[in-house]
Protein backbone atom coordinates (compact mmCIF):
# COMPACT_ATOMS: atom_id res chain seq x y z
CA UNK A 1 -30.90 -32.23 -10.33
CA UNK A 2 -31.15 -34.22 -7.15
CA UNK A 3 -32.13 -32.37 -4.00
CA UNK A 4 -28.91 -33.39 -2.19
CA UNK A 5 -26.75 -32.18 -5.11
CA UNK A 6 -28.65 -28.89 -5.17
CA UNK A 7 -28.32 -28.41 -1.40
CA UNK A 8 -24.60 -29.25 -1.50
CA UNK A 9 -24.03 -26.76 -4.33
CA UNK A 10 -26.07 -24.09 -2.53
CA UNK A 11 -24.17 -24.61 0.74
CA UNK A 12 -20.79 -24.47 -1.05
CA UNK A 13 -21.79 -21.27 -2.84
CA UNK A 14 -22.88 -19.68 0.43
CA UNK A 15 -19.63 -20.71 2.14
CA UNK A 16 -17.48 -19.29 -0.66
CA UNK A 17 -19.49 -16.07 -0.75
CA UNK A 18 -19.09 -15.58 3.00
CA UNK A 19 -15.34 -16.37 3.08
CA UNK A 20 -13.33 -13.25 2.22
CA UNK A 21 -10.32 -13.64 -0.02
CA UNK A 22 -7.05 -13.02 1.78
CA UNK A 23 -6.31 -9.99 -0.42
CA UNK A 24 -9.55 -8.42 0.82
CA UNK A 25 -8.30 -8.80 4.36
CA UNK A 26 -5.50 -6.35 3.59
CA UNK A 27 -6.99 -2.87 3.31
CA UNK A 28 -5.39 0.43 2.40
CA UNK A 29 -6.60 3.77 3.72
CA UNK A 30 -5.64 7.43 3.61
CA UNK A 31 -3.39 7.08 0.54
CA UNK A 32 -1.94 9.91 -1.52
CA UNK A 33 1.05 10.55 -3.73
CA UNK A 34 2.96 13.76 -4.31
CA UNK A 35 6.13 15.17 -5.85
CA UNK A 36 8.13 18.17 -4.71
CA UNK A 37 7.67 20.05 -8.01
CA UNK A 38 5.50 19.48 -11.09
CA UNK A 39 8.54 18.40 -13.13
CA UNK A 40 10.25 16.36 -10.42
CA UNK A 41 11.61 12.97 -11.55
CA UNK A 42 10.59 11.47 -8.19
CA UNK A 43 7.51 11.21 -6.03
CA UNK A 44 6.44 9.59 -2.79
CA UNK A 45 3.25 7.86 -1.66
CA UNK A 46 1.89 7.69 1.85
CA UNK A 47 -0.81 5.35 3.16
CA UNK A 48 -1.95 3.15 5.99
CA UNK A 49 -2.18 -0.60 5.37
CA UNK A 50 -4.17 -2.84 7.70
CA UNK A 51 -4.13 -6.61 8.08
CA UNK A 52 -7.60 -7.84 9.06
CA UNK A 53 -6.59 -11.50 8.77
CA UNK A 54 -5.46 -13.89 11.48
CA UNK A 55 -2.03 -14.43 9.96
CA UNK A 56 1.04 -12.24 9.68
CA UNK A 57 1.96 -10.98 6.23
CA UNK A 58 4.67 -8.86 4.62
CA UNK A 59 4.60 -6.19 1.93
CA UNK A 60 7.44 -7.34 -0.31
CA UNK A 61 7.23 -4.98 -3.29
CA UNK A 62 5.34 -2.13 -4.94
CA UNK A 63 4.96 -1.37 -8.65
CA UNK A 64 3.36 1.27 -10.85
CA UNK A 65 3.49 2.14 -14.53
CA UNK A 66 4.01 5.81 -13.61
CA UNK A 67 7.67 5.22 -12.66
CA UNK A 68 10.67 3.26 -13.88
CA UNK A 69 11.35 2.07 -10.32
CA UNK A 70 9.23 1.91 -7.16
CA UNK A 71 10.79 1.04 -3.80
CA UNK A 72 9.89 0.86 -0.14
CA UNK A 73 11.93 3.53 1.65
CA UNK A 74 12.57 4.61 5.23
CA UNK A 75 13.84 7.82 6.80
CA UNK A 76 16.12 7.20 9.75
CA UNK A 77 18.46 9.20 11.91
CA UNK A 78 22.10 8.15 12.19
CA UNK A 79 24.29 8.42 15.31
CA UNK A 80 25.22 12.01 14.41
CA UNK A 81 21.60 13.14 14.12
CA UNK A 82 21.68 13.23 10.32
CA UNK A 83 18.50 12.09 8.59
CA UNK A 84 19.02 9.53 5.85
CA UNK A 85 16.70 7.81 3.42
CA UNK A 86 17.21 4.33 2.06
CA UNK A 87 15.52 1.27 0.70
CA UNK A 88 13.84 -1.08 3.17
CA UNK A 89 15.46 -4.47 2.66
CA UNK A 90 13.18 -7.51 2.97
CA UNK A 91 9.89 -5.64 2.85
CA UNK A 92 7.61 -4.41 5.62
CA UNK A 93 6.09 -6.81 8.16
CA UNK A 94 2.35 -6.52 8.79
CA UNK A 95 1.26 -8.53 11.81
CA UNK A 96 -2.20 -10.06 12.02
CA UNK A 97 -4.73 -7.52 13.25
CA UNK A 98 -2.22 -4.66 13.00
CA UNK A 99 -1.63 -1.63 10.77
CA UNK A 100 1.45 0.10 9.40
CA UNK A 101 1.63 3.75 8.35
CA UNK A 102 3.75 5.05 5.49
CA UNK A 103 4.07 8.74 6.33
CA UNK A 104 6.28 11.74 5.71
CA UNK A 105 9.49 11.54 7.66
CA UNK A 106 9.14 7.77 8.05
CA UNK A 107 8.42 4.80 5.83
CA UNK A 108 7.10 5.73 2.38
CA UNK A 109 6.78 4.39 -1.15
CA UNK A 110 9.37 6.05 -3.41
CA UNK A 111 8.70 6.51 -7.15
CA UNK A 112 11.87 7.11 -9.19
CA UNK A 113 12.04 7.98 -12.86
CA UNK A 114 8.50 9.31 -13.19
CA UNK A 115 7.40 8.98 -16.81
CA UNK A 116 4.75 11.71 -16.50
CA UNK A 117 4.04 14.59 -14.13
CA UNK A 118 1.90 13.87 -11.10
CA UNK A 119 -1.03 16.20 -11.79
CA UNK A 120 -3.08 17.47 -8.85
CA UNK A 121 -6.44 15.67 -8.69
CA UNK A 122 -5.43 12.75 -10.91
CA UNK A 123 -4.78 9.22 -9.64
CA UNK A 124 -2.01 6.64 -9.99
CA UNK A 125 -2.56 2.88 -10.11
CA UNK A 126 -0.27 1.11 -7.65
CA UNK A 127 0.16 -2.64 -7.08
CA UNK A 128 1.18 -3.69 -3.59
CA UNK A 129 2.52 -7.26 -3.48
CA UNK A 130 2.21 -9.15 -0.21
CA UNK A 131 3.94 -12.39 0.67
CA UNK A 132 0.65 -14.20 1.48
CA UNK A 133 -2.16 -11.97 0.26
CA UNK A 134 -0.63 -11.51 -3.19
CA UNK A 135 -1.36 -8.39 -5.23
CA UNK A 136 -3.54 -5.59 -3.94
CA UNK A 137 -4.21 -2.96 -6.62
CA UNK A 138 -5.19 0.52 -5.49
CA UNK A 139 -5.81 3.95 -7.03
CA UNK A 140 -3.76 6.58 -5.21
CA UNK A 141 -4.89 10.21 -5.58
CA UNK A 142 -2.30 12.88 -6.39
CA UNK A 143 -2.39 15.54 -3.66
CA UNK A 144 0.38 18.14 -3.64
CA UNK A 145 -1.51 20.40 -1.25
CA UNK A 146 -1.80 18.01 1.67
CA UNK A 147 0.07 19.00 4.81
CA UNK A 148 2.28 16.43 6.56
CA UNK A 149 -0.06 15.96 9.51
CA UNK A 150 -3.32 16.17 7.53
CA UNK A 151 -5.31 12.98 7.90
CA UNK A 152 -2.71 11.43 10.18
CA UNK A 153 -4.00 8.52 12.19
CA UNK A 154 -3.04 8.00 15.81
CA UNK A 155 -1.93 4.41 16.53
C-alpha cells in the first residue's frame, strides 16, 4: 500500500470516528413507563429528550411491541378549566441545543392496547422516530412506584 493511500485511509477513519452520528446527538434521559393498575390496557411513558446537534429536529412517532398503538399525547386545560388529553398532531419540535420533557400532567407517550402487563422492574423497548435523526431505540424501565415529581428536571 502506498504511503499516501494509507495516510488518506487513516485520516478518513479518524474523521468518521470523531464525527458523531446524528442519532447519537439526540439523547434520552430520566425515562420510565407505568400503568395505573397491573391489568390496565394502557400505560404512559415519561422522559426528557435532548438535541445536542446544531439543527432543529422533530419527534414524529413512537413505537413499541408492548402495545397495539403508541401515540404522543398532551394534557391541556380548556376554557372551562377542564383537563383534557389528546394526541399531539404533527409531532413534537426539538430545537437545536434544547430539551423537551414528557412528564405527568403534560406531554407523555401513551401506550394503548398493552399486550402484556407492565411488570415492576422490567423494561420496555421503545423506538422514537425523529424527522432528521431517524430512529432512536431505548430501553424504558417500568416504575409504578415513582412519584410525579421524582427525578423531575428544572428547565
